[in-house]
């Protein structure tokens, strides 16, 4: 059935209420139609649909990319590519500790010592 932007007509002789209701329905149909390409909902294509997944002009995605809003995956976690970090086994400023091949974290990350000083964590010595 083709789209008709104002499908309702009134041919009766009743009071104005029915005519007013039909005019309101026609207005609503016309507003609806104006939201679609060619003002026709049967196209199934909303006007400005290219912006439908954007926030302030930025797309959202699970795939890391510049100028993109991160979206968690099915597991509820962000892809690790979203977090640009310097993970290393060697204590380095502005880096994240990473376990070595034996699953151990270098104690240098903890600023630890067998002879603790201020702001250090005490650890057992080799003895």
PDB file of N, CA and C in Angstrom:
ATOM      1  N   UNK A   1       0.851  -1.178   0.000  1.00  0.00           N
ATOM      2  CA  UNK A   1       0.000   0.000   0.000  1.00  0.00           C
ATOM      3  C   UNK A   1       0.895   1.239   0.000  1.00  0.00           C
ATOM      4  N   UNK A   2       0.693   2.163  -0.877  1.00  0.00           N
ATOM      5  CA  UNK A   2       1.528   3.366  -0.912  1.00  0.00           C
ATOM      6  C   UNK A   2       1.244   4.259   0.300  1.00  0.00           C
ATOM      7  N   UNK A   3       2.243   5.024   0.661  1.00  0.00           N
ATOM      8  CA  UNK A   3       2.109   5.938   1.788  1.00  0.00           C
ATOM      9  C   UNK A   3       1.261   7.129   1.394  1.00  0.00           C
ATOM     10  N   UNK A   4       0.329   7.482   2.265  1.00  0.00           N
ATOM     11  CA  UNK A   4      -0.499   8.675   2.080  1.00  0.00           C
ATOM     12  C   UNK A   4      -0.297   9.516   3.328  1.00  0.00           C
ATOM     13  N   UNK A   5       0.217  10.716   3.162  1.00  0.00           N
ATOM     14  CA  UNK A   5       0.587  11.511   4.331  1.00  0.00           C
ATOM     15  C   UNK A   5      -0.621  12.009   5.123  1.00  0.00           C
ATOM     16  N   UNK A   6      -1.773  12.175   4.487  1.00  0.00           N
ATOM     17  CA  UNK A   6      -2.984  12.606   5.190  1.00  0.00           C
ATOM     18  C   UNK A   6      -4.138  11.685   4.759  1.00  0.00           C
ATOM     19  N   UNK A   7      -4.180  10.470   5.348  1.00  0.00           N
ATOM     20  CA  UNK A   7      -5.100   9.445   4.851  1.00  0.00           C
ATOM     21  C   UNK A   7      -6.564   9.584   5.281  1.00  0.00           C
ATOM     22  N   UNK A   8      -6.856  10.457   6.236  1.00  0.00           N
ATOM     23  CA  UNK A   8      -8.208  10.479   6.781  1.00  0.00           C
ATOM     24  C   UNK A   8      -9.028  11.632   6.218  1.00  0.00           C
ATOM     25  N   UNK A   9     -10.238  11.299   5.780  1.00  0.00           N
ATOM     26  CA  UNK A   9     -11.207  12.294   5.323  1.00  0.00           C
ATOM     27  C   UNK A   9     -12.503  12.072   6.092  1.00  0.00           C
ATOM     28  N   UNK A  10     -13.200  13.124   6.298  1.00  0.00           N
ATOM     29  CA  UNK A  10     -14.476  13.025   6.995  1.00  0.00           C
ATOM     30  C   UNK A  10     -15.577  13.551   6.078  1.00  0.00           C
ATOM     31  N   UNK A  11     -16.567  12.709   5.863  1.00  0.00           N
ATOM     32  CA  UNK A  11     -17.670  13.098   4.981  1.00  0.00           C
ATOM     33  C   UNK A  11     -18.996  13.126   5.716  1.00  0.00           C
ATOM     34  N   UNK A  12     -18.956  12.945   7.023  1.00  0.00           N
ATOM     35  CA  UNK A  12     -20.190  12.876   7.803  1.00  0.00           C
ATOM     36  C   UNK A  12     -20.760  14.240   8.111  1.00  0.00           C
ATOM     37  N   UNK A  13     -21.846  14.219   8.846  1.00  0.00           N
ATOM     38  CA  UNK A  13     -22.523  15.464   9.212  1.00  0.00           C
ATOM     39  C   UNK A  13     -22.550  15.673  10.720  1.00  0.00           C
ATOM     40  N   UNK A  14     -21.718  14.890  11.480  1.00  0.00           N
ATOM     41  CA  UNK A  14     -21.711  15.021  12.944  1.00  0.00           C
ATOM     42  C   UNK A  14     -21.034  16.314  13.355  1.00  0.00           C
ATOM     43  N   UNK A  15     -21.052  16.538  14.648  1.00  0.00           N
ATOM     44  CA  UNK A  15     -20.442  17.749  15.202  1.00  0.00           C
ATOM     45  C   UNK A  15     -18.943  17.782  14.853  1.00  0.00           C
ATOM     46  N   UNK A  16     -18.298  18.904  15.093  1.00  0.00           N
ATOM     47  CA  UNK A  16     -16.911  19.154  14.710  1.00  0.00           C
ATOM     48  C   UNK A  16     -15.887  18.249  15.384  1.00  0.00           C
ATOM     49  N   UNK A  17     -16.257  17.555  16.463  1.00  0.00           N
ATOM     50  CA  UNK A  17     -15.278  16.771  17.205  1.00  0.00           C
ATOM     51  C   UNK A  17     -14.618  15.715  16.325  1.00  0.00           C
ATOM     52  N   UNK A  18     -15.366  15.001  15.539  1.00  0.00           N
ATOM     53  CA  UNK A  18     -14.781  13.961  14.687  1.00  0.00           C
ATOM     54  C   UNK A  18     -13.836  14.595  13.670  1.00  0.00           C
ATOM     55  N   UNK A  19     -14.237  15.676  13.061  1.00  0.00           N
ATOM     56  CA  UNK A  19     -13.397  16.362  12.087  1.00  0.00           C
ATOM     57  C   UNK A  19     -12.095  16.826  12.741  1.00  0.00           C
ATOM     58  N   UNK A  20     -12.166  17.362  13.962  1.00  0.00           N
ATOM     59  CA  UNK A  20     -10.965  17.814  14.668  1.00  0.00           C
ATOM     60  C   UNK A  20     -10.046  16.634  14.975  1.00  0.00           C
ATOM     61  N   UNK A  21     -10.624  15.502  15.381  1.00  0.00           N
ATOM     62  CA  UNK A  21      -9.812  14.310  15.667  1.00  0.00           C
ATOM     63  C   UNK A  21      -9.112  13.806  14.411  1.00  0.00           C
ATOM     64  N   UNK A  22      -9.833  13.797  13.283  1.00  0.00           N
ATOM     65  CA  UNK A  22      -9.226  13.355  12.030  1.00  0.00           C
ATOM     66  C   UNK A  22      -8.112  14.301  11.593  1.00  0.00           C
ATOM     67  N   UNK A  23      -8.304  15.587  11.795  1.00  0.00           N
ATOM     68  CA  UNK A  23      -7.246  16.546  11.449  1.00  0.00           C
ATOM     69  C   UNK A  23      -6.003  16.313  12.304  1.00  0.00           C
ATOM     70  N   UNK A  24      -6.221  16.018  13.594  1.00  0.00           N
ATOM     71  CA  UNK A  24      -5.075  15.741  14.467  1.00  0.00           C
ATOM     72  C   UNK A  24      -4.370  14.468  14.015  1.00  0.00           C
ATOM     73  N   UNK A  25      -5.126  13.438  13.651  1.00  0.00           N
ATOM     74  CA  UNK A  25      -4.522  12.194  13.151  1.00  0.00           C
ATOM     75  C   UNK A  25      -3.748  12.456  11.861  1.00  0.00           C
ATOM     76  N   UNK A  26      -4.312  13.242  10.974  1.00  0.00           N
ATOM     77  CA  UNK A  26      -3.615  13.594   9.734  1.00  0.00           C
ATOM     78  C   UNK A  26      -2.321  14.350  10.024  1.00  0.00           C
ATOM     79  N   UNK A  27      -2.367  15.281  10.980  1.00  0.00           N
ATOM     80  CA  UNK A  27      -1.159  16.022  11.359  1.00  0.00           C
ATOM     81  C   UNK A  27      -0.090  15.061  11.862  1.00  0.00           C
ATOM     82  N   UNK A  28      -0.482  14.089  12.704  1.00  0.00           N
ATOM     83  CA  UNK A  28       0.473  13.127  13.245  1.00  0.00           C
ATOM     84  C   UNK A  28       1.069  12.252  12.145  1.00  0.00           C
ATOM     85  N   UNK A  29       0.257  11.832  11.195  1.00  0.00           N
ATOM     86  CA  UNK A  29       0.766  11.034  10.076  1.00  0.00           C
ATOM     87  C   UNK A  29       1.759  11.844   9.249  1.00  0.00           C
ATOM     88  N   UNK A  30       1.447  13.109   9.052  1.00  0.00           N
ATOM     89  CA  UNK A  30       2.342  13.961   8.269  1.00  0.00           C
ATOM     90  C   UNK A  30       3.686  14.145   8.985  1.00  0.00           C
ATOM     91  N   UNK A  31       3.646  14.350  10.294  1.00  0.00           N
ATOM     92  CA  UNK A  31       4.882  14.479  11.085  1.00  0.00           C
ATOM     93  C   UNK A  31       5.690  13.197  10.992  1.00  0.00           C
ATOM     94  N   UNK A  32       5.039  12.050  11.126  1.00  0.00           N
ATOM     95  CA  UNK A  32       5.725  10.765  11.008  1.00  0.00           C
ATOM     96  C   UNK A  32       6.395  10.639   9.641  1.00  0.00           C
ATOM     97  N   UNK A  33       5.655  10.927   8.597  1.00  0.00           N
ATOM     98  CA  UNK A  33       6.196  10.816   7.247  1.00  0.00           C
ATOM     99  C   UNK A  33       7.418  11.687   7.039  1.00  0.00           C
ATOM    100  N   UNK A  34       7.431  12.865   7.643  1.00  0.00           N
ATOM    101  CA  UNK A  34       8.541  13.799   7.472  1.00  0.00           C
ATOM    102  C   UNK A  34       9.849  13.304   8.083  1.00  0.00           C
ATOM    103  N   UNK A  35       9.813  12.243   8.869  1.00  0.00           N
ATOM    104  CA  UNK A  35      11.027  11.687   9.493  1.00  0.00           C
ATOM    105  C   UNK A  35      11.777  10.749   8.555  1.00  0.00           C
ATOM    106  N   UNK A  36      11.177  10.398   7.424  1.00  0.00           N
ATOM    107  CA  UNK A  36      11.760   9.414   6.519  1.00  0.00           C
ATOM    108  C   UNK A  36      12.172  10.038   5.190  1.00  0.00           C
ATOM    109  N   UNK A  37      13.087   9.347   4.518  1.00  0.00           N
ATOM    110  CA  UNK A  37      13.526   9.785   3.199  1.00  0.00           C
ATOM    111  C   UNK A  37      12.301   9.903   2.289  1.00  0.00           C
ATOM    112  N   UNK A  38      12.253  10.962   1.514  1.00  0.00           N
ATOM    113  CA  UNK A  38      11.126  11.268   0.620  1.00  0.00           C
ATOM    114  C   UNK A  38       9.820  11.430   1.385  1.00  0.00           C
ATOM    115  N   UNK A  39       9.909  11.694   2.683  1.00  0.00           N
ATOM    116  CA  UNK A  39       8.732  11.838   3.543  1.00  0.00           C
ATOM    117  C   UNK A  39       7.817  10.620   3.455  1.00  0.00           C
ATOM    118  N   UNK A  40       8.414   9.437   3.329  1.00  0.00           N
ATOM    119  CA  UNK A  40       7.665   8.202   3.107  1.00  0.00           C
ATOM    120  C   UNK A  40       8.188   7.077   4.006  1.00  0.00           C
ATOM    121  N   UNK A  41       7.459   6.714   5.090  1.00  0.00           N
ATOM    122  CA  UNK A  41       7.903   5.654   5.993  1.00  0.00           C
ATOM    123  C   UNK A  41       8.072   4.297   5.314  1.00  0.00           C
ATOM    124  N   UNK A  42       7.439   4.074   4.180  1.00  0.00           N
ATOM    125  CA  UNK A  42       7.570   2.775   3.518  1.00  0.00           C
ATOM    126  C   UNK A  42       8.970   2.564   2.946  1.00  0.00           C
ATOM    127  N   UNK A  43       9.781   3.650   2.868  1.00  0.00           N
ATOM    128  CA  UNK A  43      11.168   3.465   2.428  1.00  0.00           C
ATOM    129  C   UNK A  43      11.976   2.738   3.496  1.00  0.00           C
ATOM    130  N   UNK A  44      11.542   2.856   4.767  1.00  0.00           N
ATOM    131  CA  UNK A  44      12.265   2.235   5.871  1.00  0.00           C
ATOM    132  C   UNK A  44      13.589   2.911   6.170  1.00  0.00           C
ATOM    133  N   UNK A  45      13.837   4.074   5.575  1.00  0.00           N
ATOM    134  CA  UNK A  45      15.109   4.773   5.759  1.00  0.00           C
ATOM    135  C   UNK A  45      14.837   6.116   6.438  1.00  0.00           C
ATOM    136  N   UNK A  46      15.299   6.231   7.673  1.00  0.00           N
ATOM    137  CA  UNK A  46      15.116   7.474   8.409  1.00  0.00           C
ATOM    138  C   UNK A  46      16.052   8.543   7.869  1.00  0.00           C
ATOM    139  N   UNK A  47      15.588   9.774   7.873  1.00  0.00           N
ATOM    140  CA  UNK A  47      16.453  10.886   7.488  1.00  0.00           C
ATOM    141  C   UNK A  47      17.579  10.999   8.512  1.00  0.00           C
ATOM    142  N   UNK A  48      18.755  11.377   8.065  1.00  0.00           N
ATOM    143  CA  UNK A  48      19.933  11.548   8.928  1.00  0.00           C
ATOM    144  C   UNK A  48      20.304  10.265   9.665  1.00  0.00           C
ATOM    145  N   UNK A  49      20.019   9.104   9.073  1.00  0.00           N
ATOM    146  CA  UNK A  49      20.334   7.830   9.718  1.00  0.00           C
ATOM    147  C   UNK A  49      21.832   7.635   9.898  1.00  0.00           C
ATOM    148  N   UNK A  50      22.646   8.342   9.118  1.00  0.00           N
ATOM    149  CA  UNK A  50      24.096   8.184   9.253  1.00  0.00           C
ATOM    150  C   UNK A  50      24.603   8.717  10.591  1.00  0.00           C
ATOM    151  N   UNK A  51      23.791   9.463  11.313  1.00  0.00           N
ATOM    152  CA  UNK A  51      24.174   9.970  12.627  1.00  0.00           C
ATOM    153  C   UNK A  51      23.507   9.198  13.764  1.00  0.00           C
ATOM    154  N   UNK A  52      22.789   8.137  13.452  1.00  0.00           N
ATOM    155  CA  UNK A  52      21.984   7.478  14.469  1.00  0.00           C
ATOM    156  C   UNK A  52      22.783   6.798  15.565  1.00  0.00           C
ATOM    157  N   UNK A  53      24.017   6.400  15.308  1.00  0.00           N
ATOM    158  CA  UNK A  53      24.809   5.753  16.356  1.00  0.00           C
ATOM    159  C   UNK A  53      25.893   6.675  16.892  1.00  0.00           C
ATOM    160  N   UNK A  54      25.747   7.966  16.695  1.00  0.00           N
ATOM    161  CA  UNK A  54      26.786   8.904  17.113  1.00  0.00           C
ATOM    162  C   UNK A  54      26.382   9.648  18.389  1.00  0.00           C
ATOM    163  N   UNK A  55      27.401  10.007  19.161  1.00  0.00           N
ATOM    164  CA  UNK A  55      27.239  10.895  20.304  1.00  0.00           C
ATOM    165  C   UNK A  55      28.166  12.067  20.049  1.00  0.00           C
ATOM    166  N   UNK A  56      27.592  13.241  19.958  1.00  0.00           N
ATOM    167  CA  UNK A  56      28.375  14.448  19.664  1.00  0.00           C
ATOM    168  C   UNK A  56      29.253  14.267  18.432  1.00  0.00           C
ATOM    169  N   UNK A  57      28.739  13.528  17.442  1.00  0.00           N
ATOM    170  CA  UNK A  57      29.460  13.350  16.186  1.00  0.00           C
ATOM    171  C   UNK A  57      30.448  12.203  16.162  1.00  0.00           C
ATOM    172  N   UNK A  58      30.547  11.441  17.248  1.00  0.00           N
ATOM    173  CA  UNK A  58      31.497  10.325  17.305  1.00  0.00           C
ATOM    174  C   UNK A  58      30.752   8.997  17.244  1.00  0.00           C
ATOM    175  N   UNK A  59      31.269   8.068  16.442  1.00  0.00           N
ATOM    176  CA  UNK A  59      30.721   6.721  16.362  1.00  0.00           C
ATOM    177  C   UNK A  59      31.109   5.924  17.602  1.00  0.00           C
ATOM    178  N   UNK A  60      30.345   4.886  17.896  1.00  0.00           N
ATOM    179  CA  UNK A  60      30.668   3.951  18.966  1.00  0.00           C
ATOM    180  C   UNK A  60      31.032   2.614  18.328  1.00  0.00           C
ATOM    181  N   UNK A  61      31.991   1.919  18.915  1.00  0.00           N
ATOM    182  CA  UNK A  61      32.419   0.639  18.351  1.00  0.00           C
ATOM    183  C   UNK A  61      33.115  -0.208  19.403  1.00  0.00           C
ATOM    184  N   UNK A  62      33.084  -1.537  19.196  1.00  0.00           N
ATOM    185  CA  UNK A  62      33.861  -2.445  20.040  1.00  0.00           C
ATOM    186  C   UNK A  62      35.299  -2.527  19.553  1.00  0.00           C
ATOM    187  N   UNK A  63      35.546  -2.065  18.345  1.00  0.00           N
ATOM    188  CA  UNK A  63      36.884  -2.115  17.754  1.00  0.00           C
ATOM    189  C   UNK A  63      37.621  -0.805  18.016  1.00  0.00           C
ATOM    190  N   UNK A  64      38.784  -0.858  18.649  1.00  0.00           N
ATOM    191  CA  UNK A  64      39.527   0.370  18.938  1.00  0.00           C
ATOM    192  C   UNK A  64      39.876   1.153  17.672  1.00  0.00           C
ATOM    193  N   UNK A  65      39.592   2.436  17.700  1.00  0.00           N
ATOM    194  CA  UNK A  65      39.916   3.327  16.591  1.00  0.00           C
ATOM    195  C   UNK A  65      39.941   4.756  17.123  1.00  0.00           C
ATOM    196  N   UNK A  66      40.663   5.614  16.447  1.00  0.00           N
ATOM    197  CA  UNK A  66      40.732   7.016  16.834  1.00  0.00           C
ATOM    198  C   UNK A  66      39.359   7.662  16.733  1.00  0.00           C
ATOM    199  N   UNK A  67      39.073   8.589  17.625  1.00  0.00           N
ATOM    200  CA  UNK A  67      37.817   9.357  17.623  1.00  0.00           C
ATOM    201  C   UNK A  67      36.586   8.462  17.636  1.00  0.00           C
ATOM    202  N   UNK A  68      36.644   7.382  18.408  1.00  0.00           N
ATOM    203  CA  UNK A  68      35.547   6.419  18.499  1.00  0.00           C
ATOM    204  C   UNK A  68      35.243   6.157  19.968  1.00  0.00           C
ATOM    205  N   UNK A  69      33.972   6.034  20.299  1.00  0.00           N
ATOM    206  CA  UNK A  69      33.555   5.765  21.671  1.00  0.00           C
ATOM    207  C   UNK A  69      33.656   4.261  21.922  1.00  0.00           C
ATOM    208  N   UNK A  70      34.363   3.837  22.983  1.00  0.00           N
ATOM    209  CA  UNK A  70      34.508   2.397  23.236  1.00  0.00           C
ATOM    210  C   UNK A  70      33.217   1.757  23.742  1.00  0.00           C
ATOM    211  N   UNK A  71      32.950   0.543  23.277  1.00  0.00           N
ATOM    212  CA  UNK A  71      31.790  -0.239  23.694  1.00  0.00           C
ATOM    213  C   UNK A  71      32.302  -1.594  24.166  1.00  0.00           C
ATOM    214  N   UNK A  72      31.817  -2.055  25.325  1.00  0.00           N
ATOM    215  CA  UNK A  72      32.244  -3.344  25.861  1.00  0.00           C
ATOM    216  C   UNK A  72      31.750  -4.477  24.963  1.00  0.00           C
ATOM    217  N   UNK A  73      32.519  -5.566  24.945  1.00  0.00           N
ATOM    218  CA  UNK A  73      32.136  -6.752  24.185  1.00  0.00           C
ATOM    219  C   UNK A  73      31.088  -7.556  24.929  1.00  0.00           C
ATOM    220  N   UNK A  74      30.746  -8.722  24.409  1.00  0.00           N
ATOM    221  CA  UNK A  74      29.724  -9.579  25.008  1.00  0.00           C
ATOM    222  C   UNK A  74      30.113 -10.007  26.422  1.00  0.00           C
ATOM    223  N   UNK A  75      31.416 -10.021  26.720  1.00  0.00           N
ATOM    224  CA  UNK A  75      31.882 -10.403  28.052  1.00  0.00           C
ATOM    225  C   UNK A  75      31.842  -9.228  29.032  1.00  0.00           C
ATOM    226  N   UNK A  76      31.408  -8.067  28.572  1.00  0.00           N
ATOM    227  CA  UNK A  76      31.314  -6.892  29.428  1.00  0.00           C
ATOM    228  C   UNK A  76      32.623  -6.154  29.601  1.00  0.00           C
ATOM    229  N   UNK A  77      33.646  -6.531  28.845  1.00  0.00           N
ATOM    230  CA  UNK A  77      34.964  -5.915  28.980  1.00  0.00           C
ATOM    231  C   UNK A  77      35.344  -5.179  27.700  1.00  0.00           C
ATOM    232  N   UNK A  78      36.157  -4.130  27.861  1.00  0.00           N
ATOM    233  CA  UNK A  78      36.678  -3.413  26.699  1.00  0.00           C
ATOM    234  C   UNK A  78      37.816  -4.214  26.083  1.00  0.00           C
ATOM    235  N   UNK A  79      37.939  -4.135  24.782  1.00  0.00           N
ATOM    236  CA  UNK A  79      39.075  -4.740  24.091  1.00  0.00           C
ATOM    237  C   UNK A  79      40.352  -4.097  24.623  1.00  0.00           C
ATOM    238  N   UNK A  80      41.377  -4.896  24.855  1.00  0.00           N
ATOM    239  CA  UNK A  80      42.621  -4.367  25.429  1.00  0.00           C
ATOM    240  C   UNK A  80      43.261  -3.299  24.543  1.00  0.00           C
ATOM    241  N   UNK A  81      42.924  -3.284  23.268  1.00  0.00           N
ATOM    242  CA  UNK A  81      43.462  -2.271  22.368  1.00  0.00           C
ATOM    243  C   UNK A  81      43.009  -0.861  22.695  1.00  0.00           C
ATOM    244  N   UNK A  82      41.914  -0.737  23.481  1.00  0.00           N
ATOM    245  CA  UNK A  82      41.448   0.597  23.868  1.00  0.00           C
ATOM    246  C   UNK A  82      42.401   1.239  24.868  1.00  0.00           C
ATOM    247  N   UNK A  83      43.131   0.416  25.620  1.00  0.00           N
ATOM    248  CA  UNK A  83      44.000   0.938  26.666  1.00  0.00           C
ATOM    249  C   UNK A  83      45.447   0.900  26.190  1.00  0.00           C
ATOM    250  N   UNK A  84      45.925   2.022  25.773  1.00  0.00           N
ATOM    251  CA  UNK A  84      47.301   2.111  25.289  1.00  0.00           C
ATOM    252  C   UNK A  84      48.217   2.229  26.492  1.00  0.00           C
ATOM    253  N   UNK A  85      48.771   1.099  26.934  1.00  0.00           N
ATOM    254  CA  UNK A  85      49.628   1.090  28.113  1.00  0.00           C
ATOM    255  C   UNK A  85      50.977   0.490  27.759  1.00  0.00           C
ATOM    256  N   UNK A  86      51.943   0.834  28.565  1.00  0.00           N
ATOM    257  CA  UNK A  86      53.283   0.295  28.407  1.00  0.00           C
ATOM    258  C   UNK A  86      53.459  -0.769  29.482  1.00  0.00           C
ATOM    259  N   UNK A  87      53.117  -2.025  29.164  1.00  0.00           N
ATOM    260  CA  UNK A  87      53.270  -3.114  30.124  1.00  0.00           C
ATOM    261  C   UNK A  87      54.662  -3.710  29.968  1.00  0.00           C
ATOM    262  N   UNK A  88      55.360  -3.840  31.078  1.00  0.00           N
ATOM    263  CA  UNK A  88      56.737  -4.335  31.035  1.00  0.00           C
ATOM    264  C   UNK A  88      57.063  -5.063  32.330  1.00  0.00           C
ATOM    265  N   UNK A  89      58.036  -5.956  32.274  1.00  0.00           N
ATOM    266  CA  UNK A  89      58.475  -6.659  33.486  1.00  0.00           C
ATOM    267  C   UNK A  89      59.482  -5.837  34.267  1.00  0.00           C
ATOM    268  N   UNK A  90      60.038  -4.812  33.650  1.00  0.00           N
ATOM    269  CA  UNK A  90      61.049  -3.965  34.293  1.00  0.00           C
ATOM    270  C   UNK A  90      60.386  -2.691  34.804  1.00  0.00           C
ATOM    271  N   UNK A  91      60.560  -2.372  36.087  1.00  0.00           N
ATOM    272  CA  UNK A  91      59.959  -1.144  36.614  1.00  0.00           C
ATOM    273  C   UNK A  91      60.397   0.083  35.823  1.00  0.00           C
ATOM    274  N   UNK A  92      59.413   0.793  35.304  1.00  0.00           N
ATOM    275  CA  UNK A  92      59.636   1.961  34.471  1.00  0.00           C
ATOM    276  C   UNK A  92      58.558   2.983  34.809  1.00  0.00           C
ATOM    277  N   UNK A  93      58.897   4.267  34.889  1.00  0.00           N
ATOM    278  CA  UNK A  93      57.850   5.272  35.146  1.00  0.00           C
ATOM    279  C   UNK A  93      56.749   5.204  34.082  1.00  0.00           C
ATOM    280  N   UNK A  94      55.522   5.437  34.518  1.00  0.00           N
ATOM    281  CA  UNK A  94      54.349   5.484  33.636  1.00  0.00           C
ATOM    282  C   UNK A  94      54.105   4.172  32.902  1.00  0.00           C
ATOM    283  N   UNK A  95      54.455   3.052  33.504  1.00  0.00           N
ATOM    284  CA  UNK A  95      54.213   1.748  32.894  1.00  0.00           C
ATOM    285  C   UNK A  95      53.382   0.899  33.849  1.00  0.00           C
ATOM    286  N   UNK A  96      52.846  -0.176  33.343  1.00  0.00           N
ATOM    287  CA  UNK A  96      52.034  -1.110  34.117  1.00  0.00           C
ATOM    288  C   UNK A  96      52.858  -2.370  34.348  1.00  0.00           C
ATOM    289  N   UNK A  97      52.881  -2.888  35.604  1.00  0.00           N
ATOM    290  CA  UNK A  97      53.669  -4.099  35.837  1.00  0.00           C
ATOM    291  C   UNK A  97      53.111  -5.312  35.105  1.00  0.00           C
ATOM    292  N   UNK A  98      53.986  -6.082  34.542  1.00  0.00           N
ATOM    293  CA  UNK A  98      53.604  -7.303  33.842  1.00  0.00           C
ATOM    294  C   UNK A  98      54.436  -8.440  34.435  1.00  0.00           C
ATOM    295  N   UNK A  99      53.793  -9.571  34.678  1.00  0.00           N
ATOM    296  CA  UNK A  99      54.511 -10.714  35.245  1.00  0.00           C
ATOM    297  C   UNK A  99      55.547 -11.224  34.253  1.00  0.00           C
ATOM    298  N   UNK A 100      56.629 -11.780  34.795  1.00  0.00           N
ATOM    299  CA  UNK A 100      57.658 -12.355  33.932  1.00  0.00           C
ATOM    300  C   UNK A 100      57.229 -13.758  33.490  1.00  0.00           C
ATOM    301  N   UNK A 101      58.106 -14.478  32.824  1.00  0.00           N
ATOM    302  CA  UNK A 101      57.780 -15.806  32.294  1.00  0.00           C
ATOM    303  C   UNK A 101      57.400 -16.783  33.400  1.00  0.00           C
ATOM    304  N   UNK A 102      57.842 -16.533  34.633  1.00  0.00           N
ATOM    305  CA  UNK A 102      57.519 -17.404  35.761  1.00  0.00           C
ATOM    306  C   UNK A 102      56.272 -16.947  36.517  1.00  0.00           C
ATOM    307  N   UNK A 103      55.612 -15.918  36.002  1.00  0.00           N
ATOM    308  CA  UNK A 103      54.406 -15.417  36.655  1.00  0.00           C
ATOM    309  C   UNK A 103      54.686 -14.520  37.842  1.00  0.00           C
ATOM    310  N   UNK A 104      55.896 -14.030  37.977  1.00  0.00           N
ATOM    311  CA  UNK A 104      56.294 -13.195  39.114  1.00  0.00           C
ATOM    312  C   UNK A 104      56.365 -11.732  38.700  1.00  0.00           C
ATOM    313  N   UNK A 105      56.009 -10.849  39.628  1.00  0.00           N
ATOM    314  CA  UNK A 105      56.144  -9.412  39.413  1.00  0.00           C
ATOM    315  C   UNK A 105      57.459  -8.969  40.051  1.00  0.00           C
ATOM    316  N   UNK A 106      58.264  -8.235  39.326  1.00  0.00           N
ATOM    317  CA  UNK A 106      59.528  -7.706  39.824  1.00  0.00           C
ATOM    318  C   UNK A 106      59.246  -6.848  41.063  1.00  0.00           C
ATOM    319  N   UNK A 107      59.936  -7.137  42.175  1.00  0.00           N
ATOM    320  CA  UNK A 107      59.696  -6.390  43.411  1.00  0.00           C
ATOM    321  C   UNK A 107      60.060  -4.918  43.276  1.00  0.00           C
ATOM    322  N   UNK A 108      60.822  -4.570  42.256  1.00  0.00           N
ATOM    323  CA  UNK A 108      61.126  -3.161  42.028  1.00  0.00           C
ATOM    324  C   UNK A 108      59.869  -2.335  41.801  1.00  0.00           C
ATOM    325  N   UNK A 109      58.812  -2.974  41.328  1.00  0.00           N
ATOM    326  CA  UNK A 109      57.547  -2.276  41.135  1.00  0.00           C
ATOM    327  C   UNK A 109      56.970  -1.830  42.476  1.00  0.00           C
ATOM    328  N   UNK A 110      57.310  -2.561  43.519  1.00  0.00           N
ATOM    329  CA  UNK A 110      56.734  -2.289  44.833  1.00  0.00           C
ATOM    330  C   UNK A 110      57.579  -1.341  45.667  1.00  0.00           C
ATOM    331  N   UNK A 111      58.730  -0.984  45.148  1.00  0.00           N
ATOM    332  CA  UNK A 111      59.670  -0.187  45.922  1.00  0.00           C
ATOM    333  C   UNK A 111      59.903  -0.904  47.248  1.00  0.00           C
ATOM    334  N   UNK A 112      60.134  -2.215  47.158  1.00  0.00           N
ATOM    335  CA  UNK A 112      60.264  -3.061  48.344  1.00  0.00           C
ATOM    336  C   UNK A 112      61.720  -3.321  48.672  1.00  0.00           C
ATOM    337  N   UNK A 113      61.955  -3.687  49.927  1.00  0.00           N
ATOM    338  CA  UNK A 113      63.326  -3.932  50.363  1.00  0.00           C
ATOM    339  C   UNK A 113      63.309  -4.853  51.576  1.00  0.00           C
ATOM    340  N   UNK A 114      64.368  -5.692  51.706  1.00  0.00           N
ATOM    341  CA  UNK A 114      64.516  -6.506  52.911  1.00  0.00           C
ATOM    342  C   UNK A 114      64.902  -5.626  54.095  1.00  0.00           C
ATOM    343  N   UNK A 115      65.433  -4.457  53.822  1.00  0.00           N
ATOM    344  CA  UNK A 115      65.747  -3.458  54.863  1.00  0.00           C
ATOM    345  C   UNK A 115      64.915  -2.227  54.557  1.00  0.00           C
ATOM    346  N   UNK A 116      63.614  -2.261  54.890  1.00  0.00           N
ATOM    347  CA  UNK A 116      62.706  -1.191  54.451  1.00  0.00           C
ATOM    348  C   UNK A 116      63.066   0.184  55.000  1.00  0.00           C
ATOM    349  N   UNK A 117      62.856   1.154  54.147  1.00  0.00           N
ATOM    350  CA  UNK A 117      63.002   2.554  54.498  1.00  0.00           C
ATOM    351  C   UNK A 117      61.601   3.172  54.450  1.00  0.00           C
ATOM    352  N   UNK A 118      61.521   4.447  54.626  1.00  0.00           N
ATOM    353  CA  UNK A 118      60.227   5.119  54.530  1.00  0.00           C
ATOM    354  C   UNK A 118      59.613   4.876  53.150  1.00  0.00           C
ATOM    355  N   UNK A 119      58.315   4.669  53.097  1.00  0.00           N
ATOM    356  CA  UNK A 119      57.561   4.476  51.859  1.00  0.00           C
ATOM    357  C   UNK A 119      57.983   3.219  51.094  1.00  0.00           C
ATOM    358  N   UNK A 120      58.457   2.213  51.793  1.00  0.00           N
ATOM    359  CA  UNK A 120      58.802   0.949  51.160  1.00  0.00           C
ATOM    360  C   UNK A 120      58.041  -0.183  51.833  1.00  0.00           C
ATOM    361  N   UNK A 121      57.872  -1.265  51.119  1.00  0.00           N
ATOM    362  CA  UNK A 121      57.185  -2.436  51.636  1.00  0.00           C
ATOM    363  C   UNK A 121      58.228  -3.456  52.081  1.00  0.00           C
ATOM    364  N   UNK A 122      58.139  -3.946  53.324  1.00  0.00           N
ATOM    365  CA  UNK A 122      59.133  -4.933  53.773  1.00  0.00           C
ATOM    366  C   UNK A 122      58.910  -6.289  53.107  1.00  0.00           C
ATOM    367  N   UNK A 123      59.976  -6.931  52.682  1.00  0.00           N
ATOM    368  CA  UNK A 123      59.910  -8.279  52.135  1.00  0.00           C
ATOM    369  C   UNK A 123      60.948  -9.143  52.840  1.00  0.00           C
ATOM    370  N   UNK A 124      60.783 -10.447  52.780  1.00  0.00           N
ATOM    371  CA  UNK A 124      61.760 -11.336  53.371  1.00  0.00           C
ATOM    372  C   UNK A 124      63.025 -11.349  52.537  1.00  0.00           C
ATOM    373  N   UNK A 125      64.149 -11.399  53.211  1.00  0.00           N
ATOM    374  CA  UNK A 125      65.399 -11.519  52.449  1.00  0.00           C
ATOM    375  C   UNK A 125      65.629 -12.966  52.065  1.00  0.00           C
ATOM    376  N   UNK A 126      66.692 -13.231  51.373  1.00  0.00           N
ATOM    377  CA  UNK A 126      66.975 -14.577  50.864  1.00  0.00           C
ATOM    378  C   UNK A 126      67.227 -15.579  51.985  1.00  0.00           C
ATOM    379  N   UNK A 127      67.540 -15.151  53.189  1.00  0.00           N
ATOM    380  CA  UNK A 127      67.863 -16.060  54.285  1.00  0.00           C
ATOM    381  C   UNK A 127      66.609 -16.582  54.889  1.00  0.00           C
TER     382      UNK A 127
END
